[in-house]
Amino acid sequence: MLFPCFSGLHPQNGLEYKITLEIIDVNLDDSGPYAVSVFADGTSAVGIIQLIVIEPPETETSYTLNNKTRRVPSLEKNPLFVPPNTELTIACEVLKGTPLPSIAWSWQTCDYETQNRCRLHPNQWRVFDNT
């Protein structure tokens, strides 16, 4: 909901000289350019501001194994054990987000023969090229 607000007095003539536009409950539909035009004695000035409303990304992660697809909240919290020579598809779907989020897949090696559980190391991620 848009509300123009008038405030302030001109120091010379006592007239209001500041006009603001207040947006209550900003939502995605409010995104876009906003322009203000000022006219005085046959001259004018225009100010434009581009508003981009940011919506945090929301994703859904799933995997397909043996032709069965399962959604998972986080693969990190739910280890997935797969035998060698098995086809596995891991998917991430962006459900919402503005501006449109990008997705990057990362991977860390893990040796389960010497470790019962892999530990994630922040500086050892390998990022796949998404191009």
Protein backbone atom coordinates (compact mmCIF):
# COMPACT_ATOMS: atom_id res chain seq x y z
CA MET A 1 0.00 0.00 0.00
CA LEU A 2 1.48 3.37 -1.04
CA PHE A 3 1.06 6.56 0.97
CA PRO A 4 2.47 9.93 -0.09
CA CYS A 5 3.62 11.91 2.95
CA PHE A 6 4.15 15.67 3.02
CA SER A 7 6.44 17.23 5.60
CA GLY A 8 8.75 20.16 6.16
CA LEU A 9 8.40 23.86 5.45
CA HIS A 10 10.29 25.83 2.83
CA PRO A 11 12.62 28.25 4.69
CA GLN A 12 11.66 31.24 2.49
CA ASN A 13 7.94 30.92 1.89
CA GLY A 14 6.81 28.51 4.61
CA LEU A 15 5.45 26.01 2.07
CA GLU A 16 5.97 22.28 2.37
CA TYR A 17 9.02 21.19 0.42
CA LYS A 18 9.61 17.54 1.30
CA ILE A 19 7.40 14.80 -0.09
CA THR A 20 8.01 11.16 0.71
CA LEU A 21 6.37 7.98 -0.48
CA GLU A 22 5.79 5.37 2.21
CA ILE A 23 5.24 1.75 1.22
CA ILE A 24 3.45 -0.26 3.89
CA ASP A 25 3.98 -4.05 3.90
CA VAL A 26 6.40 -4.16 0.96
CA ASN A 27 5.83 -7.18 -1.28
CA LEU A 28 7.26 -8.51 -4.55
CA ASP A 29 4.68 -6.62 -6.62
CA ASP A 30 6.12 -3.32 -5.33
CA SER A 31 9.39 -3.94 -7.23
CA GLY A 32 10.09 -1.55 -10.07
CA PRO A 33 11.14 2.00 -10.85
CA TYR A 34 9.69 4.91 -8.87
CA ALA A 35 9.96 8.41 -10.27
CA VAL A 36 9.32 11.80 -8.70
CA SER A 37 8.96 14.93 -10.82
CA VAL A 38 9.39 18.44 -9.49
CA PHE A 39 8.15 21.51 -11.43
CA ALA A 40 8.89 25.18 -10.74
CA ASP A 41 8.77 28.26 -12.96
CA GLY A 42 8.77 26.33 -16.23
CA THR A 43 11.63 24.02 -15.25
CA SER A 44 11.56 20.50 -13.89
CA ALA A 45 13.69 17.82 -12.29
CA VAL A 46 13.14 14.08 -12.12
CA GLY A 47 14.47 11.59 -9.60
CA ILE A 48 14.22 7.85 -10.20
CA ILE A 49 14.89 4.98 -7.83
CA GLN A 50 14.77 1.30 -8.74
CA LEU A 51 13.24 -0.84 -5.99
CA ILE A 52 14.10 -4.54 -5.90
CA VAL A 53 12.28 -6.48 -3.20
CA ILE A 54 14.46 -9.36 -1.99
CA GLU A 55 12.84 -12.68 -1.12
CA PRO A 56 15.12 -15.24 0.58
CA PRO A 57 15.68 -18.40 -1.44
CA GLU A 58 13.81 -21.57 -0.62
CA THR A 59 14.91 -24.89 -2.08
CA GLU A 60 13.96 -28.53 -2.04
CA THR A 61 16.62 -31.22 -2.26
CA SER A 62 15.92 -34.76 -3.42
CA TYR A 63 17.71 -37.82 -4.69
CA THR A 64 16.76 -40.65 -7.01
CA LEU A 65 18.15 -44.11 -6.37
CA ASN A 66 16.85 -47.34 -7.92
CA ASN A 67 14.07 -45.37 -9.66
CA LYS A 68 12.75 -44.09 -6.32
CA THR A 69 12.84 -40.39 -5.52
CA ARG A 70 12.99 -39.11 -1.95
CA ARG A 71 12.97 -35.55 -0.65
CA VAL A 72 15.47 -34.75 2.07
CA PRO A 73 15.83 -31.67 4.28
CA SER A 74 19.64 -31.88 4.14
CA LEU A 75 21.99 -34.55 2.84
CA GLU A 76 24.58 -33.43 5.38
CA LYS A 77 22.28 -34.38 8.28
CA ASN A 78 21.04 -37.54 6.59
CA PRO A 79 23.99 -39.51 5.20
CA LEU A 80 23.16 -41.45 2.09
CA PHE A 81 25.00 -44.73 1.65
CA VAL A 82 25.14 -46.01 -1.92
CA PRO A 83 26.98 -49.09 -3.16
CA PRO A 84 29.61 -48.71 -5.90
CA ASN A 85 28.49 -48.76 -9.55
CA THR A 86 25.03 -47.45 -8.63
CA GLU A 87 23.33 -44.62 -10.51
CA LEU A 88 22.39 -41.73 -8.23
CA THR A 89 20.77 -38.42 -9.12
CA ILE A 90 20.78 -35.58 -6.61
CA ALA A 91 18.54 -32.62 -7.40
CA CYS A 92 17.98 -29.17 -6.00
CA GLU A 93 14.91 -27.21 -7.03
CA VAL A 94 14.56 -23.50 -6.33
CA LEU A 95 11.01 -22.98 -5.03
CA LYS A 96 11.27 -19.22 -4.62
CA GLY A 97 13.71 -16.37 -4.28
CA THR A 98 14.13 -12.87 -5.67
CA PRO A 99 16.38 -12.06 -7.37
CA LEU A 100 16.52 -15.55 -8.88
CA PRO A 101 19.05 -17.58 -6.85
CA SER A 102 21.92 -19.45 -8.46
CA ILE A 103 22.84 -23.01 -7.51
CA ALA A 104 26.36 -24.32 -6.99
CA TRP A 105 27.17 -27.95 -6.25
CA SER A 106 30.16 -28.76 -4.02
CA TRP A 107 31.76 -32.01 -2.93
CA GLN A 108 34.28 -33.35 -0.41
CA THR A 109 36.11 -36.63 -0.59
CA CYS A 110 35.53 -39.13 2.19
CA ASP A 111 37.28 -42.40 2.94
CA TYR A 112 34.77 -44.64 4.71
CA GLU A 113 37.27 -47.49 4.89
CA THR A 114 39.34 -45.59 7.45
CA GLN A 115 36.59 -43.43 8.95
CA ASN A 116 33.28 -44.45 10.42
CA ARG A 117 31.81 -41.02 9.66
CA CYS A 118 33.10 -38.25 7.41
CA ARG A 119 33.74 -34.83 8.84
CA LEU A 120 33.05 -31.76 6.73
CA HIS A 121 35.93 -29.32 6.48
CA PRO A 122 34.97 -25.77 5.45
CA ASN A 123 38.12 -25.18 3.37
CA GLN A 124 38.09 -28.53 1.50
CA TRP A 125 34.96 -28.15 -0.67
CA ARG A 126 35.39 -28.68 -4.40
CA VAL A 127 32.95 -26.55 -6.38
CA PHE A 128 31.63 -27.90 -9.69
CA ASP A 129 31.51 -25.57 -12.67
CA ASN A 130 27.83 -24.86 -13.43
CA THR A 131 28.42 -23.69 -17.01
